[in-house]
Amino acid sequence: MTPAEKVRRTLYLLAAASLVVLIVLGVAWELWLAPLRPGGSWLALKVVPLLAALPGVLRARLYTFRWAMMLVLAYFTEGIVRAYAEHGTSATLATIEIVLSLVFYAAAICYVRVARAPAR
């Protein structure tokens, strides 16, 4: 495996892993860890758009990476708002959401650049 292939694989794994963890975090946050209402919240459905992106990301489709990068900015924004507005566990989970969305965004943008480089 060439160094370029290793970088590409590492970026892919980082992006895919951060997306999966972001999905798990969103569901766990709204159902068990710190729901808005006791017993869970319908806000757990916020991960449905990420679930739509997951198959394409796992298949390493560049088009999916591109639109998922734009999608994850909404989760970054939610994390910023909730980290500022809430306290305790919710603020901590919001900070984790911010980090995960930034990791996905950075890894995805680098993956797309590296994957397109040989085509040029």
Protein backbone atom coordinates (compact mmCIF):
# COMPACT_ATOMS: atom_id res chain seq x y z
CA MET A 1 0.00 0.00 0.00
CA THR A 2 1.43 3.35 -1.03
CA PRO A 3 1.63 6.29 1.38
CA ALA A 4 -1.14 8.07 -0.56
CA GLU A 5 -3.41 5.04 -0.21
CA LYS A 6 -2.68 4.90 3.53
CA VAL A 7 -3.61 8.57 3.92
CA ARG A 8 -6.78 8.06 1.89
CA ARG A 9 -7.77 5.02 3.97
CA THR A 10 -7.05 6.81 7.25
CA LEU A 11 -9.15 9.80 6.23
CA TYR A 12 -11.98 7.51 5.12
CA LEU A 13 -11.93 5.59 8.41
CA LEU A 14 -11.81 8.81 10.43
CA ALA A 15 -14.77 10.29 8.55
CA ALA A 16 -16.84 7.09 8.70
CA ALA A 17 -16.12 6.54 12.38
CA SER A 18 -16.96 10.11 13.35
CA LEU A 19 -20.23 9.91 11.41
CA VAL A 20 -21.23 6.66 13.13
CA VAL A 21 -20.34 8.05 16.56
CA LEU A 22 -22.27 11.25 15.78
CA ILE A 23 -25.35 9.15 14.96
CA VAL A 24 -25.01 7.08 18.13
CA LEU A 25 -24.46 10.22 20.20
CA GLY A 26 -27.56 11.90 18.76
CA VAL A 27 -29.80 8.95 19.55
CA ALA A 28 -28.33 8.29 23.00
CA TRP A 29 -28.42 11.97 23.91
CA GLU A 30 -32.10 12.44 23.14
CA LEU A 31 -33.32 9.07 24.45
CA TRP A 32 -31.19 8.27 27.51
CA LEU A 33 -28.30 10.57 28.41
CA ALA A 34 -29.97 14.00 28.64
CA PRO A 35 -33.37 14.05 26.91
CA LEU A 36 -35.43 17.22 26.79
CA ARG A 37 -38.30 15.36 28.43
CA PRO A 38 -38.12 12.45 30.87
CA GLY A 39 -38.35 9.15 29.03
CA GLY A 40 -36.90 10.43 25.78
CA SER A 41 -37.61 12.96 23.09
CA TRP A 42 -38.72 12.92 19.46
CA LEU A 43 -35.65 15.06 18.84
CA ALA A 44 -33.79 11.76 18.45
CA LEU A 45 -35.12 11.79 14.89
CA LYS A 46 -32.57 14.49 14.13
CA VAL A 47 -30.15 11.72 13.15
CA VAL A 48 -32.30 10.52 10.22
CA PRO A 49 -30.47 12.74 7.68
CA LEU A 50 -27.16 11.35 8.93
CA LEU A 51 -28.53 7.84 8.51
CA ALA A 52 -29.32 8.72 4.90
CA ALA A 53 -25.69 9.70 4.36
CA LEU A 54 -24.23 6.67 6.11
CA PRO A 55 -24.50 4.08 3.28
CA GLY A 56 -22.83 6.38 0.76
CA VAL A 57 -20.07 7.30 3.19
CA LEU A 58 -19.45 3.64 4.01
CA ARG A 59 -19.22 2.92 0.26
CA ALA A 60 -16.75 5.83 -0.06
CA ARG A 61 -18.86 7.71 -2.61
CA LEU A 62 -17.41 11.16 -3.18
CA TYR A 63 -20.77 12.72 -3.99
CA THR A 64 -22.15 11.57 -0.63
CA PHE A 65 -19.10 12.93 1.16
CA ARG A 66 -19.70 16.30 -0.48
CA TRP A 67 -23.32 16.71 0.56
CA ALA A 68 -22.72 15.13 3.97
CA MET A 69 -20.10 17.80 4.64
CA MET A 70 -22.77 20.46 4.16
CA LEU A 71 -25.28 18.48 6.23
CA VAL A 72 -22.95 18.09 9.19
CA LEU A 73 -22.71 21.87 9.51
CA ALA A 74 -26.27 21.83 10.88
CA TYR A 75 -25.13 19.51 13.66
CA PHE A 76 -22.16 21.76 14.33
CA THR A 77 -24.56 24.69 14.65
CA GLU A 78 -26.87 22.75 16.97
CA GLY A 79 -23.88 21.85 19.12
CA ILE A 80 -22.80 25.49 19.36
CA VAL A 81 -26.30 26.64 20.33
CA ARG A 82 -26.87 23.90 22.88
CA ALA A 83 -23.39 24.19 24.40
CA TYR A 84 -24.07 27.88 24.98
CA ALA A 85 -27.70 27.57 26.13
CA GLU A 86 -27.65 24.43 28.26
CA HIS A 87 -25.73 23.29 31.32
CA GLY A 88 -24.40 20.08 32.76
CA THR A 89 -24.58 16.88 30.75
CA SER A 90 -26.29 18.51 27.77
CA ALA A 91 -23.54 21.10 27.43
CA THR A 92 -20.90 18.35 27.56
CA LEU A 93 -22.73 16.30 24.93
CA ALA A 94 -23.07 19.40 22.77
CA THR A 95 -19.32 19.94 22.97
CA ILE A 96 -18.75 16.34 21.90
CA GLU A 97 -21.17 16.93 19.00
CA ILE A 98 -19.16 19.98 17.96
CA VAL A 99 -15.91 18.01 17.97
CA LEU A 100 -17.39 15.07 16.06
CA SER A 101 -18.92 17.29 13.41
CA LEU A 102 -15.63 19.15 12.94
CA VAL A 103 -13.70 15.87 12.73
CA PHE A 104 -16.11 14.55 10.11
CA TYR A 105 -15.99 17.79 8.14
CA ALA A 106 -12.19 17.99 8.14
CA ALA A 107 -11.70 14.31 7.36
CA ALA A 108 -14.33 14.35 4.62
CA ILE A 109 -12.96 17.44 2.89
CA CYS A 110 -9.43 16.03 3.00
CA TYR A 111 -10.67 12.64 1.79
CA VAL A 112 -12.42 14.19 -1.20
CA ARG A 113 -9.30 16.19 -2.10
CA VAL A 114 -7.02 13.16 -1.78
CA ALA A 115 -9.42 10.86 -3.65
CA ARG A 116 -9.76 13.31 -6.54
CA ALA A 117 -6.02 14.00 -6.81
CA PRO A 118 -5.16 10.95 -8.97
CA ALA A 119 -7.99 11.83 -11.38
CA ARG A 120 -6.45 15.20 -12.21
